[in-house]
Amino acid sequence: MVFSIELSKSIKSCRIIRRRGDDMKSIIKLMVVFVCVVSLVACGRKDTTVSANKDGVLYEAGVGVSFYYPSDFKLSEGNPNDGVTRFTKENQILFYKVEENEYDNDTDQLSELYKGELEASGVSSLKVKMPALESGLKCYEYKGSYVKTGLKFIHLVYFDDKNTYVYGYEANRKDFRKNLKKMIVYLESFTKSSGL
């Protein structure tokens, strides 16, 4: 009788161990399947690394001012009286303009004035930061969206004693979200030799 009870306990222990072993095998199989799925998804992603000087076109906007724009964008000077240079591709636009400063303020105050002008023109979700450009130029980055048109934008703005330099990107929400990282590379290629 004692032998039969011991045998019964041994059989139950073996079943439990076997069940745990089967559970571990199932977990390992699930992990292998998960790794395979993640690998397949990762392999299907496109590489979005962009090099402005390799993938772009250098534009020299004036004495000491230059930047790159994507080679698949078309330069369209547009109206010569508005002073805006545009680079377009379907629903996207990169633009460059220089505005004469109307006020005798320092750059921090000019930044606040520019922010106020954007807000007055009907902009929402406006964010301002100072990116570190490779050129060492001290610029401001304004990011938001126009309420009336729904277009999203990012403007890279440099202020000096006489002028405000704006290099910006505008697009519909879908294109903006899709291309923002790439466009930031081009925006941050802006250099002004006398502004360091």
N, C-alpha and C. Protein backbone atom coordinates (compact mmCIF):
# COMPACT_ATOMS: atom_id res chain seq x y z
N MET A 1 0.82 -1.17 0.00
CA MET A 1 0.00 0.00 0.00
C MET A 1 0.88 1.25 0.00
N VAL A 2 1.87 1.26 0.86
CA VAL A 2 2.79 2.38 0.95
C VAL A 2 3.51 2.54 -0.39
N PHE A 3 3.89 1.42 -0.97
CA PHE A 3 4.57 1.44 -2.26
C PHE A 3 3.66 2.05 -3.32
N SER A 4 2.40 1.70 -3.29
CA SER A 4 1.44 2.20 -4.28
C SER A 4 1.23 3.70 -4.11
N ILE A 5 1.21 4.21 -2.87
CA ILE A 5 1.04 5.65 -2.62
C ILE A 5 2.29 6.40 -3.13
N GLU A 6 3.44 5.83 -2.85
CA GLU A 6 4.69 6.45 -3.30
C GLU A 6 4.75 6.46 -4.82
N LEU A 7 4.35 5.39 -5.44
CA LEU A 7 4.34 5.30 -6.89
C LEU A 7 3.38 6.33 -7.47
N SER A 8 2.23 6.48 -6.85
CA SER A 8 1.24 7.45 -7.30
C SER A 8 1.80 8.87 -7.19
N LYS A 9 2.50 9.18 -6.08
CA LYS A 9 3.11 10.50 -5.91
C LYS A 9 4.19 10.72 -6.95
N SER A 10 4.97 9.71 -7.27
CA SER A 10 6.02 9.82 -8.27
C SER A 10 5.44 10.09 -9.64
N ILE A 11 4.37 9.42 -9.98
CA ILE A 11 3.72 9.62 -11.28
C ILE A 11 3.18 11.04 -11.37
N LYS A 12 2.54 11.55 -10.29
CA LYS A 12 2.01 12.93 -10.29
C LYS A 12 3.15 13.92 -10.45
N SER A 13 4.27 13.68 -9.77
CA SER A 13 5.43 14.58 -9.87
C SER A 13 5.96 14.60 -11.29
N CYS A 14 6.01 13.45 -11.92
CA CYS A 14 6.49 13.36 -13.31
C CYS A 14 5.56 14.13 -14.24
N ARG A 15 4.24 14.03 -14.01
CA ARG A 15 3.28 14.75 -14.84
C ARG A 15 3.46 16.26 -14.68
N ILE A 16 3.68 16.70 -13.44
CA ILE A 16 3.87 18.14 -13.18
C ILE A 16 5.14 18.62 -13.86
N ILE A 17 6.20 17.87 -13.73
CA ILE A 17 7.47 18.24 -14.36
C ILE A 17 7.32 18.25 -15.87
N ARG A 18 6.65 17.24 -16.41
CA ARG A 18 6.43 17.16 -17.84
C ARG A 18 5.59 18.35 -18.30
N ARG A 19 4.56 18.74 -17.52
CA ARG A 19 3.70 19.85 -17.87
C ARG A 19 4.50 21.16 -17.86
N ARG A 20 5.36 21.32 -16.85
CA ARG A 20 6.20 22.51 -16.80
C ARG A 20 7.17 22.55 -17.97
N GLY A 21 7.69 21.41 -18.33
CA GLY A 21 8.57 21.32 -19.49
C GLY A 21 7.85 21.69 -20.77
N ASP A 22 6.60 21.22 -20.89
CA ASP A 22 5.79 21.56 -22.07
C ASP A 22 5.50 23.06 -22.09
N ASP A 23 5.24 23.64 -20.90
CA ASP A 23 5.00 25.09 -20.82
C ASP A 23 6.24 25.87 -21.25
N MET A 24 7.40 25.42 -20.82
CA MET A 24 8.65 26.10 -21.20
C MET A 24 8.88 26.01 -22.70
N LYS A 25 8.58 24.83 -23.27
CA LYS A 25 8.72 24.67 -24.72
C LYS A 25 7.79 25.62 -25.45
N SER A 26 6.58 25.78 -24.96
CA SER A 26 5.62 26.70 -25.58
C SER A 26 6.10 28.14 -25.49
N ILE A 27 6.63 28.52 -24.34
CA ILE A 27 7.14 29.88 -24.15
C ILE A 27 8.31 30.13 -25.10
N ILE A 28 9.21 29.17 -25.20
CA ILE A 28 10.36 29.31 -26.10
C ILE A 28 9.89 29.43 -27.54
N LYS A 29 8.91 28.63 -27.95
CA LYS A 29 8.37 28.71 -29.31
C LYS A 29 7.77 30.08 -29.57
N LEU A 30 7.01 30.61 -28.60
CA LEU A 30 6.42 31.94 -28.75
C LEU A 30 7.50 33.01 -28.88
N MET A 31 8.55 32.90 -28.10
CA MET A 31 9.65 33.88 -28.17
C MET A 31 10.32 33.83 -29.53
N VAL A 32 10.55 32.64 -30.07
CA VAL A 32 11.17 32.49 -31.38
C VAL A 32 10.28 33.11 -32.46
N VAL A 33 8.98 32.85 -32.39
CA VAL A 33 8.05 33.43 -33.35
C VAL A 33 8.06 34.95 -33.24
N PHE A 34 8.05 35.49 -32.03
CA PHE A 34 8.07 36.94 -31.80
C PHE A 34 9.33 37.56 -32.41
N VAL A 35 10.48 36.96 -32.16
CA VAL A 35 11.74 37.48 -32.70
C VAL A 35 11.71 37.46 -34.23
N CYS A 36 11.17 36.40 -34.82
CA CYS A 36 11.08 36.31 -36.28
C CYS A 36 10.18 37.41 -36.84
N VAL A 37 9.04 37.65 -36.22
CA VAL A 37 8.11 38.69 -36.69
C VAL A 37 8.76 40.06 -36.59
N VAL A 38 9.40 40.36 -35.46
CA VAL A 38 10.07 41.65 -35.28
C VAL A 38 11.17 41.82 -36.32
N SER A 39 11.91 40.76 -36.58
CA SER A 39 12.98 40.83 -37.58
C SER A 39 12.44 41.11 -38.96
N LEU A 40 11.35 40.46 -39.33
CA LEU A 40 10.75 40.70 -40.64
C LEU A 40 10.25 42.13 -40.78
N VAL A 41 9.62 42.64 -39.75
CA VAL A 41 9.12 44.01 -39.78
C VAL A 41 10.29 44.99 -39.89
N ALA A 42 11.35 44.75 -39.13
CA ALA A 42 12.51 45.64 -39.14
C ALA A 42 13.20 45.61 -40.50
N CYS A 43 13.25 44.47 -41.15
CA CYS A 43 13.90 44.36 -42.46
C CYS A 43 13.10 45.12 -43.52
N GLY A 44 11.81 45.21 -43.35
CA GLY A 44 10.97 45.88 -44.34
C GLY A 44 11.00 47.39 -44.23
N ARG A 45 11.54 47.95 -43.17
CA ARG A 45 11.59 49.41 -43.01
C ARG A 45 12.62 50.02 -43.94
N LYS A 46 12.30 51.22 -44.42
CA LYS A 46 13.23 51.95 -45.27
C LYS A 46 14.21 52.72 -44.40
N ASP A 47 15.41 52.85 -44.89
CA ASP A 47 16.41 53.66 -44.21
C ASP A 47 16.15 55.12 -44.56
N THR A 48 15.89 55.94 -43.55
CA THR A 48 15.55 57.35 -43.80
C THR A 48 16.72 58.28 -43.50
N THR A 49 17.91 57.72 -43.39
CA THR A 49 19.07 58.55 -43.13
C THR A 49 19.31 59.45 -44.34
N VAL A 50 19.51 60.73 -44.03
CA VAL A 50 19.69 61.71 -45.10
C VAL A 50 20.96 62.50 -44.84
N SER A 51 21.68 62.78 -45.87
CA SER A 51 22.85 63.64 -45.79
C SER A 51 22.58 64.82 -46.71
N ALA A 52 22.47 66.00 -46.13
CA ALA A 52 22.10 67.19 -46.92
C ALA A 52 23.07 67.43 -48.06
N ASN A 53 24.36 67.29 -47.80
CA ASN A 53 25.31 67.59 -48.88
C ASN A 53 25.40 66.48 -49.93
N LYS A 54 24.96 65.26 -49.62
CA LYS A 54 24.95 64.18 -50.61
C LYS A 54 23.62 64.10 -51.36
N ASP A 55 22.52 64.24 -50.61
CA ASP A 55 21.19 64.07 -51.19
C ASP A 55 20.53 65.38 -51.59
N GLY A 56 21.18 66.50 -51.30
CA GLY A 56 20.56 67.79 -51.54
C GLY A 56 21.32 68.64 -52.54
N VAL A 57 20.77 69.84 -52.77
CA VAL A 57 21.36 70.81 -53.68
C VAL A 57 21.72 72.04 -52.86
N LEU A 58 22.94 72.51 -53.02
CA LEU A 58 23.39 73.70 -52.30
C LEU A 58 22.77 74.93 -52.95
N TYR A 59 22.19 75.80 -52.12
CA TYR A 59 21.63 77.06 -52.60
C TYR A 59 22.34 78.19 -51.88
N GLU A 60 22.95 79.08 -52.64
CA GLU A 60 23.62 80.23 -52.05
C GLU A 60 22.69 81.42 -52.21
N ALA A 61 22.16 81.87 -51.08
CA ALA A 61 21.11 82.88 -51.08
C ALA A 61 21.64 84.31 -51.08
N GLY A 62 22.87 84.48 -50.83
CA GLY A 62 23.44 85.82 -50.78
C GLY A 62 24.83 85.73 -50.22
N VAL A 63 25.40 86.87 -49.91
CA VAL A 63 26.76 86.91 -49.40
C VAL A 63 26.82 86.20 -48.04
N GLY A 64 27.50 85.07 -48.02
CA GLY A 64 27.69 84.34 -46.77
C GLY A 64 26.52 83.50 -46.31
N VAL A 65 25.41 83.47 -47.05
CA VAL A 65 24.23 82.69 -46.64
C VAL A 65 24.05 81.54 -47.62
N SER A 66 23.95 80.32 -47.06
CA SER A 66 23.72 79.15 -47.91
C SER A 66 23.00 78.07 -47.11
N PHE A 67 22.40 77.15 -47.83
CA PHE A 67 21.72 76.01 -47.23
C PHE A 67 21.48 74.98 -48.32
N TYR A 68 21.07 73.80 -47.91
CA TYR A 68 20.73 72.74 -48.85
C TYR A 68 19.22 72.55 -48.89
N TYR A 69 18.73 72.10 -50.05
CA TYR A 69 17.34 71.68 -50.18
C TYR A 69 17.33 70.34 -50.91
N PRO A 70 16.28 69.53 -50.75
CA PRO A 70 16.25 68.20 -51.36
C PRO A 70 16.30 68.27 -52.89
N SER A 71 17.04 67.37 -53.50
CA SER A 71 17.21 67.38 -54.96
C SER A 71 15.91 67.10 -55.70
N ASP A 72 14.92 66.49 -55.04
CA ASP A 72 13.65 66.23 -55.71
C ASP A 72 12.65 67.39 -55.56
N PHE A 73 13.07 68.49 -54.95
CA PHE A 73 12.25 69.69 -54.87
C PHE A 73 12.62 70.62 -56.03
N LYS A 74 11.65 71.37 -56.51
CA LYS A 74 11.86 72.25 -57.65
C LYS A 74 11.95 73.70 -57.16
N LEU A 75 12.99 74.40 -57.60
CA LEU A 75 13.15 75.80 -57.26
C LEU A 75 12.15 76.62 -58.06
N SER A 76 11.33 77.40 -57.37
CA SER A 76 10.38 78.28 -58.06
C SER A 76 10.44 79.65 -57.40
N GLU A 77 11.11 80.57 -58.05
CA GLU A 77 11.34 81.90 -57.50
C GLU A 77 10.03 82.63 -57.23
N GLY A 78 8.98 82.37 -58.01
CA GLY A 78 7.67 82.99 -57.76
C GLY A 78 7.69 84.48 -57.98
N ASN A 79 7.02 85.19 -57.12
CA ASN A 79 6.89 86.63 -57.23
C ASN A 79 8.18 87.31 -56.72
N PRO A 80 8.90 88.01 -57.61
CA PRO A 80 10.15 88.62 -57.18
C PRO A 80 9.94 89.76 -56.18
N ASN A 81 8.73 90.29 -56.09
CA ASN A 81 8.45 91.40 -55.18
C ASN A 81 8.25 90.95 -53.72
N ASP A 82 7.91 89.68 -53.51
CA ASP A 82 7.67 89.25 -52.12
C ASP A 82 8.96 88.82 -51.42
N GLY A 83 10.04 88.64 -52.16
CA GLY A 83 11.33 88.32 -51.56
C GLY A 83 11.43 86.91 -51.00
N VAL A 84 10.52 86.02 -51.39
CA VAL A 84 10.52 84.65 -50.88
C VAL A 84 10.99 83.70 -51.99
N THR A 85 11.96 82.87 -51.66
CA THR A 85 12.42 81.82 -52.58
C THR A 85 11.77 80.53 -52.13
N ARG A 86 11.12 79.84 -53.07
CA ARG A 86 10.38 78.62 -52.74
C ARG A 86 10.96 77.41 -53.45
N PHE A 87 10.91 76.29 -52.74
CA PHE A 87 11.30 74.99 -53.29
C PHE A 87 10.10 74.08 -53.05
N THR A 88 9.51 73.54 -54.11
CA THR A 88 8.25 72.81 -53.96
C THR A 88 8.34 71.37 -54.47
N LYS A 89 7.49 70.57 -53.87
CA LYS A 89 7.30 69.18 -54.31
C LYS A 89 5.90 68.78 -53.86
N GLU A 90 5.01 68.58 -54.80
CA GLU A 90 3.63 68.19 -54.52
C GLU A 90 3.01 69.07 -53.44
N ASN A 91 2.67 68.52 -52.28
CA ASN A 91 2.02 69.27 -51.20
C ASN A 91 2.98 69.83 -50.18
N GLN A 92 4.25 69.93 -50.54
CA GLN A 92 5.28 70.37 -49.60
C GLN A 92 6.00 71.60 -50.14
N ILE A 93 6.43 72.45 -49.22
CA ILE A 93 7.19 73.63 -49.63
C ILE A 93 8.28 73.94 -48.61
N LEU A 94 9.46 74.19 -49.12
CA LEU A 94 10.55 74.77 -48.34
C LEU A 94 10.66 76.20 -48.84
N PHE A 95 10.89 77.14 -47.94
CA PHE A 95 11.01 78.53 -48.39
C PHE A 95 12.11 79.23 -47.61
N TYR A 96 12.62 80.28 -48.23
CA TYR A 96 13.64 81.11 -47.61
C TYR A 96 13.27 82.56 -47.84
N LYS A 97 13.36 83.35 -46.78
CA LYS A 97 13.11 84.79 -46.92
C LYS A 97 13.94 85.56 -45.91
N VAL A 98 14.19 86.81 -46.26
CA VAL A 98 14.91 87.73 -45.38
C VAL A 98 14.00 88.93 -45.17
N GLU A 99 13.79 89.26 -43.91
CA GLU A 99 12.97 90.42 -43.57
C GLU A 99 13.84 91.43 -42.81
N GLU A 100 13.68 92.68 -43.16
CA GLU A 100 14.42 93.72 -42.45
C GLU A 100 13.78 93.91 -41.07
N ASN A 101 14.61 93.98 -40.04
CA ASN A 101 14.11 94.18 -38.68
C ASN A 101 13.55 95.60 -38.54
N GLU A 102 12.32 95.70 -38.08
CA GLU A 102 11.69 97.00 -37.89
C GLU A 102 11.99 97.57 -36.52
N TYR A 103 12.47 96.74 -35.61
CA TYR A 103 12.69 97.15 -34.23
C TYR A 103 14.16 97.03 -33.87
N ASP A 104 14.57 97.81 -32.90
CA ASP A 104 15.95 97.79 -32.43
C ASP A 104 16.00 96.98 -31.13
N ASN A 105 15.81 95.68 -31.23
CA ASN A 105 15.77 94.81 -30.06
C ASN A 105 16.90 93.79 -30.14
N ASP A 106 17.17 93.14 -28.99
CA ASP A 106 18.14 92.05 -29.03
C ASP A 106 17.45 90.79 -29.55
N THR A 107 18.24 89.75 -29.79
CA THR A 107 17.70 88.56 -30.45
C THR A 107 16.61 87.86 -29.64
N ASP A 108 16.72 87.85 -28.31
CA ASP A 108 15.68 87.22 -27.51
C ASP A 108 14.35 87.95 -27.66
N GLN A 109 14.41 89.28 -27.71
CA GLN A 109 13.19 90.07 -27.91
C GLN A 109 12.64 89.88 -29.32
N LEU A 110 13.55 89.81 -30.31
CA LEU A 110 13.10 89.57 -31.68
C LEU A 110 12.42 88.21 -31.81
N SER A 111 12.94 87.24 -31.06
CA SER A 111 12.33 85.91 -31.06
C SER A 111 10.90 85.97 -30.53
N GLU A 112 10.70 86.71 -29.47
CA GLU A 112 9.35 86.86 -28.90
C GLU A 112 8.43 87.61 -29.87
N LEU A 113 8.96 88.61 -30.56
CA LEU A 113 8.16 89.35 -31.55
C LEU A 113 7.74 88.43 -32.70
N TYR A 114 8.68 87.59 -33.18
CA TYR A 114 8.37 86.65 -34.26
C TYR A 114 7.30 85.66 -33.80
N LYS A 115 7.44 85.18 -32.59
CA LYS A 115 6.45 84.26 -32.02
C LYS A 115 5.08 84.94 -31.97
N GLY A 116 5.04 86.20 -31.55
CA GLY A 116 3.79 86.95 -31.49
C GLY A 116 3.16 87.13 -32.86
N GLU A 117 4.00 87.38 -33.88
CA GLU A 117 3.50 87.53 -35.25
C GLU A 117 2.86 86.21 -35.73
N LEU A 118 3.51 85.10 -35.42
CA LEU A 118 2.95 83.80 -35.81
C LEU A 118 1.61 83.56 -35.13
N GLU A 119 1.55 83.83 -33.83
CA GLU A 119 0.31 83.63 -33.08
C GLU A 119 -0.80 84.53 -33.62
N ALA A 120 -0.46 85.77 -33.98
CA ALA A 120 -1.45 86.70 -34.52
C ALA A 120 -1.95 86.27 -35.90
N SER A 121 -1.14 85.50 -36.62
CA SER A 121 -1.55 85.05 -37.95
C SER A 121 -2.41 83.79 -37.90
N GLY A 122 -2.74 83.31 -36.71
CA GLY A 122 -3.62 82.16 -36.58
C GLY A 122 -2.89 80.83 -36.51
N VAL A 123 -1.91 80.75 -35.66
CA VAL A 123 -1.12 79.53 -35.49
C VAL A 123 -1.51 78.87 -34.17
N SER A 124 -1.57 77.55 -34.17
CA SER A 124 -1.85 76.82 -32.93
C SER A 124 -0.71 75.87 -32.62
N SER A 125 -0.67 75.40 -31.39
CA SER A 125 0.33 74.42 -30.93
C SER A 125 1.76 74.89 -31.20
N LEU A 126 2.03 76.14 -30.99
CA LEU A 126 3.34 76.70 -31.30
C LEU A 126 4.36 76.30 -30.22
N LYS A 127 5.47 75.75 -30.69
CA LYS A 127 6.57 75.38 -29.81
C LYS A 127 7.84 76.06 -30.31
N VAL A 128 8.66 76.54 -29.40
CA VAL A 128 9.90 77.23 -29.76
C VAL A 128 11.06 76.57 -29.03
N LYS A 129 12.14 76.33 -29.76
CA LYS A 129 13.35 75.80 -29.13
C LYS A 129 14.57 76.31 -29.89
N MET A 130 15.74 76.08 -29.32
CA MET A 130 16.98 76.51 -29.96
C MET A 130 17.81 75.27 -30.29
N PRO A 131 17.78 74.82 -31.54
CA PRO A 131 18.57 73.64 -31.91
C PRO A 131 20.06 74.00 -32.00
N ALA A 132 20.89 73.02 -31.80
CA ALA A 132 22.34 73.21 -31.94
C ALA A 132 22.71 72.89 -33.38
N LEU A 133 23.00 73.91 -34.16
CA LEU A 133 23.38 73.70 -35.55
C LEU A 133 24.86 73.36 -35.65
N GLU A 134 25.20 72.55 -36.64
CA GLU A 134 26.59 72.18 -36.88
C GLU A 134 27.44 73.40 -37.16
N SER A 135 26.84 74.39 -37.81
CA SER A 135 27.57 75.61 -38.18
C SER A 135 27.87 76.49 -36.97
N GLY A 136 27.21 76.23 -35.83
CA GLY A 136 27.41 77.03 -34.64
C GLY A 136 26.51 78.26 -34.60
N LEU A 137 25.68 78.43 -35.60
CA LEU A 137 24.76 79.56 -35.69
C LEU A 137 23.68 79.45 -34.62
N LYS A 138 23.39 80.55 -33.95
CA LYS A 138 22.36 80.57 -32.91
C LYS A 138 21.01 80.89 -33.55
N CYS A 139 20.19 79.86 -33.73
CA CYS A 139 18.89 80.00 -34.39
C CYS A 139 17.77 79.59 -33.45
N TYR A 140 16.57 79.93 -33.86
CA TYR A 140 15.36 79.52 -33.14
C TYR A 140 14.54 78.64 -34.07
N GLU A 141 13.91 77.63 -33.50
CA GLU A 141 13.04 76.74 -34.27
C GLU A 141 11.61 76.92 -33.78
N TYR A 142 10.71 77.27 -34.71
CA TYR A 142 9.30 77.47 -34.40
C TYR A 142 8.53 76.35 -35.11
N LYS A 143 7.71 75.64 -34.35
CA LYS A 143 6.97 74.51 -34.91
C LYS A 143 5.51 74.62 -34.48
N GLY A 144 4.58 74.45 -35.44
CA GLY A 144 3.16 74.53 -35.12
C GLY A 144 2.32 74.22 -36.34
N SER A 145 1.08 74.71 -36.32
CA SER A 145 0.20 74.51 -37.47
C SER A 145 -0.70 75.73 -37.65
N TYR A 146 -1.05 75.98 -38.91
CA TYR A 146 -1.94 77.09 -39.25
C TYR A 146 -3.37 76.61 -39.09
N VAL A 147 -4.16 77.34 -38.32
CA VAL A 147 -5.53 76.92 -38.02
C VAL A 147 -6.39 76.92 -39.29
N LYS A 148 -6.31 77.96 -40.11
CA LYS A 148 -7.16 78.09 -41.29
C LYS A 148 -6.90 77.00 -42.33
N THR A 149 -5.64 76.74 -42.63
CA THR A 149 -5.31 75.81 -43.71
C THR A 149 -5.04 74.39 -43.22
N GLY A 150 -4.71 74.25 -41.93
CA GLY A 150 -4.37 72.93 -41.40
C GLY A 150 -2.94 72.52 -41.71
N LEU A 151 -2.20 73.37 -42.41
CA LEU A 151 -0.80 73.04 -42.73
C LEU A 151 0.04 73.08 -41.47
N LYS A 152 0.98 72.15 -41.38
CA LYS A 152 1.94 72.15 -40.27
C LYS A 152 3.22 72.80 -40.80
N PHE A 153 3.98 73.39 -39.88
CA PHE A 153 5.19 74.08 -40.31
C PHE A 153 6.29 73.95 -39.27
N ILE A 154 7.50 74.18 -39.76
CA ILE A 154 8.66 74.35 -38.91
C ILE A 154 9.51 75.43 -39.57
N HIS A 155 9.84 76.46 -38.80
CA HIS A 155 10.66 77.57 -39.30
C HIS A 155 11.95 77.60 -38.51
N LEU A 156 13.06 77.69 -39.20
CA LEU A 156 14.34 77.90 -38.57
C LEU A 156 14.66 79.37 -38.80
N VAL A 157 14.84 80.13 -37.72
CA VAL A 157 14.95 81.59 -37.83
C VAL A 157 16.24 82.07 -37.17
N TYR A 158 16.96 82.90 -37.91
CA TYR A 158 18.18 83.52 -37.40
C TYR A 158 17.98 85.03 -37.39
N PHE A 159 18.32 85.67 -36.28
CA PHE A 159 18.20 87.11 -36.14
C PHE A 159 19.59 87.73 -36.05
N ASP A 160 19.82 88.80 -36.82
CA ASP A 160 21.03 89.60 -36.58
C ASP A 160 20.58 91.04 -36.36
N ASP A 161 21.51 91.98 -36.32
CA ASP A 161 21.16 93.37 -36.00
C ASP A 161 20.21 94.00 -37.00
N LYS A 162 20.31 93.61 -38.27
CA LYS A 162 19.53 94.28 -39.31
C LYS A 162 18.40 93.44 -39.88
N ASN A 163 18.56 92.11 -39.91
CA ASN A 163 17.61 91.26 -40.63
C ASN A 163 17.19 90.02 -39.84
N THR A 164 16.07 89.47 -40.29
CA THR A 164 15.58 88.18 -39.80
C THR A 164 15.60 87.22 -40.99
N TYR A 165 16.29 86.09 -40.84
CA TYR A 165 16.42 85.09 -41.90
C TYR A 165 15.55 83.90 -41.53
N VAL A 166 14.67 83.51 -42.45
CA VAL A 166 13.75 82.40 -42.18
C VAL A 166 13.92 81.34 -43.26
N TYR A 167 14.20 80.12 -42.83
CA TYR A 167 14.22 78.95 -43.72
C TYR A 167 13.19 78.00 -43.14
N GLY A 168 12.11 77.73 -43.88
CA GLY A 168 11.02 76.96 -43.32
C GLY A 168 10.52 75.84 -44.19
N TYR A 169 9.76 74.96 -43.56
CA TYR A 169 9.13 73.82 -44.23
C TYR A 169 7.66 73.80 -43.84
N GLU A 170 6.78 73.67 -44.84
CA GLU A 170 5.34 73.59 -44.60
C GLU A 170 4.75 72.46 -45.45
N ALA A 171 3.79 71.74 -44.87
CA ALA A 171 3.16 70.63 -45.59
C ALA A 171 1.87 70.24 -44.88
N ASN A 172 1.05 69.43 -45.57
CA ASN A 172 -0.14 68.90 -44.90
C ASN A 172 0.32 67.93 -43.81
N ARG A 173 -0.59 67.59 -42.92
CA ARG A 173 -0.23 66.78 -41.75
C ARG A 173 0.46 65.46 -42.11
N LYS A 174 -0.08 64.78 -43.11
CA LYS A 174 0.47 63.47 -43.49
C LYS A 174 1.91 63.59 -43.99
N ASP A 175 2.13 64.50 -44.95
CA ASP A 175 3.47 64.67 -45.51
C ASP A 175 4.44 65.22 -44.46
N PHE A 176 3.94 66.12 -43.61
CA PHE A 176 4.78 66.71 -42.58
C PHE A 176 5.29 65.63 -41.63
N ARG A 177 4.38 64.81 -41.15
CA ARG A 177 4.75 63.73 -40.21
C ARG A 177 5.73 62.77 -40.87
N LYS A 178 5.46 62.45 -42.13
CA LYS A 178 6.28 61.48 -42.85
C LYS A 178 7.70 61.99 -43.12
N ASN A 179 7.84 63.29 -43.39
CA ASN A 179 9.12 63.83 -43.85
C ASN A 179 9.84 64.74 -42.87
N LEU A 180 9.31 64.91 -41.67
CA LEU A 180 9.87 65.89 -40.74
C LEU A 180 11.34 65.66 -40.44
N LYS A 181 11.74 64.45 -40.10
CA LYS A 181 13.13 64.18 -39.74
C LYS A 181 14.07 64.52 -40.89
N LYS A 182 13.67 64.16 -42.09
CA LYS A 182 14.48 64.45 -43.27
C LYS A 182 14.58 65.97 -43.49
N MET A 183 13.47 66.68 -43.33
CA MET A 183 13.46 68.12 -43.57
C MET A 183 14.26 68.89 -42.53
N ILE A 184 14.28 68.39 -41.31
CA ILE A 184 15.07 69.05 -40.27
C ILE A 184 16.55 69.04 -40.65
N VAL A 185 17.01 67.95 -41.26
CA VAL A 185 18.41 67.87 -41.71
C VAL A 185 18.69 69.01 -42.69
N TYR A 186 17.76 69.24 -43.62
CA TYR A 186 17.96 70.32 -44.59
C TYR A 186 17.85 71.70 -43.93
N LEU A 187 16.89 71.87 -43.06
CA LEU A 187 16.75 73.16 -42.39
C LEU A 187 17.99 73.50 -41.58
N GLU A 188 18.54 72.50 -40.92
CA GLU A 188 19.71 72.73 -40.09
C GLU A 188 21.01 72.86 -40.87
N SER A 189 20.92 72.75 -42.20
CA SER A 189 22.10 72.99 -43.04
C SER A 189 22.32 74.49 -43.27
N PHE A 190 21.40 75.32 -42.78
CA PHE A 190 21.49 76.77 -42.96
C PHE A 190 22.76 77.31 -42.31
N THR A 191 23.51 78.10 -43.08
CA THR A 191 24.72 78.73 -42.56
C THR A 191 24.76 80.19 -42.98
N LYS A 192 25.33 80.99 -42.14
CA LYS A 192 25.55 82.40 -42.43
C LYS A 192 26.93 82.73 -41.87
N SER A 193 27.86 82.99 -42.75
CA SER A 193 29.26 83.12 -42.32
C SER A 193 29.48 84.31 -41.38
N SER A 194 28.75 85.38 -41.52
CA SER A 194 29.01 86.54 -40.67
C SER A 194 28.21 86.49 -39.39
N GLY A 195 27.46 85.41 -39.14
CA GLY A 195 26.60 85.35 -37.97
C GLY A 195 27.15 84.55 -36.81
N LEU A 196 28.38 84.14 -36.87
CA LEU A 196 28.95 83.30 -35.81
C LEU A 196 29.49 84.09 -34.67
